[in-house]
Protein backbone atom coordinates (compact mmCIF):
# COMPACT_ATOMS: atom_id res chain seq x y z
CA MET A 1 90.75 109.19 96.72
CA ALA A 2 93.98 110.59 98.16
CA GLY A 3 95.33 110.47 94.61
CA TYR A 4 92.81 113.11 93.58
CA ILE A 5 93.88 115.39 96.44
CA LEU A 6 97.52 114.97 95.41
CA LYS A 7 96.54 115.80 91.83
CA ILE A 8 94.75 118.92 93.06
CA LYS A 9 97.91 119.98 94.86
CA GLU A 10 99.99 119.31 91.73
CA ILE A 11 97.73 121.56 89.69
CA ASP A 12 98.65 124.51 91.86
CA VAL A 13 102.24 123.57 92.78
CA SER A 14 103.33 122.78 89.22
CA GLY A 15 105.24 126.07 88.95
CA ALA A 16 108.57 124.76 90.22
CA HIS A 17 110.14 128.20 90.04
CA ARG A 18 107.90 129.42 92.87
CA LYS A 19 109.15 128.82 96.39
CA LYS A 20 105.64 128.69 97.84
CA SER A 21 102.40 128.06 96.07
CA SER A 22 99.62 130.61 96.29
CA PHE A 23 97.36 127.71 97.31
CA PHE A 24 99.29 127.28 100.54
CA LEU A 25 99.45 131.02 101.17
CA ALA A 26 95.70 131.45 100.71
CA ALA A 27 93.23 131.76 103.56
CA PRO A 28 91.54 128.52 104.68
CA GLU A 29 88.25 129.65 103.10
CA GLU A 30 89.96 130.19 99.75
CA ARG A 31 91.59 126.74 99.89
CA LEU A 32 88.19 125.19 100.65
CA GLU A 33 86.63 127.00 97.69
CA PHE A 34 89.47 125.85 95.42
CA ARG A 35 89.10 122.23 96.51
CA ILE A 36 85.34 122.35 95.90
CA LEU A 37 85.83 123.97 92.49
CA VAL A 38 88.26 121.23 91.47
CA ALA A 39 85.90 118.50 92.70
CA ASP A 40 83.03 120.10 90.76
CA TYR A 41 85.21 120.37 87.66
CA LEU A 42 86.26 116.71 87.85
CA LYS A 43 82.62 115.61 88.25
CA ARG A 44 81.38 117.87 85.47
CA ARG A 45 84.03 116.42 83.12
CA ARG A 46 82.91 112.93 84.23
CA LEU A 47 86.38 112.11 85.49
CA ILE A 48 84.95 111.03 88.85
CA SER A 49 81.66 109.52 89.98
CA GLY A 50 79.12 111.11 92.29
CA GLY A 51 80.45 109.01 95.17
CA GLU A 52 84.02 110.11 94.51
CA TRP A 53 82.82 113.73 94.33
CA ARG A 54 81.12 113.38 97.72
CA GLU A 55 84.33 111.92 99.15
CA LEU A 56 86.36 114.85 97.80
CA ILE A 57 83.90 117.30 99.34
CA LYS A 58 84.13 115.50 102.70
CA GLU A 59 87.92 115.62 102.52
CA ALA A 60 87.82 119.32 101.62
CA VAL A 61 85.58 120.11 104.59
CA ALA A 62 87.74 117.99 106.91
CA ALA A 63 90.89 119.78 105.71
CA TYR A 64 89.17 123.13 106.28
CA ALA A 65 88.16 122.13 109.81
CA ASP A 66 91.73 120.96 110.49
CA GLU A 67 93.12 124.29 109.28
CA LEU A 68 90.79 126.21 111.57
CA GLY A 69 91.88 124.07 114.51
């Protein structure tokens, strides 16, 4: 599952010319929304199962909670 999170990060960080990705500069709520959108996209394209989607959503919520402290 961590591989999917790394892939999500690669999607946004792929612009090597940028010093910092907009993903990392975004507010925690925006990062949560992005993670959920990517999970939904992967499920809709049938690249992940329902169980993997649920795991991604749990990880997204956990990351959001971590960011809020």
